[in-house]
Amino acid sequence: MHQHRSSRVVPAVALALLLTLGACGSGKSASPAAAPVERDRSSTTVTPERDTVATNKTVAARSNATAFPDIEVLHVPSDAPVRLRSQLVADQPTLLWFWAPHCPLCVREAPTMKAFAAKYGDRIRVIGLGAQDSRGEAVDFVRETDTAGLPMLWDESGESWIKFNVTNQPTVIVLSGDGDQRARFFRNFDEDAILKAAGITT
């Protein structure tokens, strides 16, 4: 993968979505031409279904494995290009952690993600999927958060974020072993709810 691209053709819809990618409280937007989008924080966290909390219903959208983005991304620790779909483990649930280098909340969540992967990594595939900013900043983020032990991937195109309708970070999406989207968590790492969504008993 080239570190710099002189030009890029981006579909109009994809470009519009990319311009809404959040700045994680840092004041930095995904594009200098677009201001950060203010969102209703009361409805951004979606966790497995609970009868008493409407905002905690499981995300209805489904994303099966055949539709999982088969795009080239960069494995940050090794600086090697990989196919995103190749990172899935057959019949094993997946946790996708969407992060951005400039995001202080992502930095704070990194130790929690590492601890979760160390504890449950044999039963759920944990993948870090970064976008925004630059490749160099992504490398710095992985080094500073000491997350090189995780499959930390860098999607320069942002296509994977568009696919999963991620517009801010940190966001966690839980997929079943069949690739169905079970739950989404925004700035709220709820270990018990994540395990429940993944069908993991402790």
Foldseek 3Di string as FASTA:
>chain_A
DDQDDPDDDDDPVLVVLQQAAAQQPPQDTLDPVHGHDDDDPVQPFEFDDDPPDPSPHWDPDWQFLVNQQQDWWAQLLVRDIDGPSVQADAQAKEKEWEDELSHPLCLVCLVVLVVLCVVCVVRYQYEYEYEGDGSVSLNVSCVVSVVSVHRYIYDDSCVNCVVVVRRYDRKMWMAESRRTTTGIGHSDDDPVRNCVSHVHDD
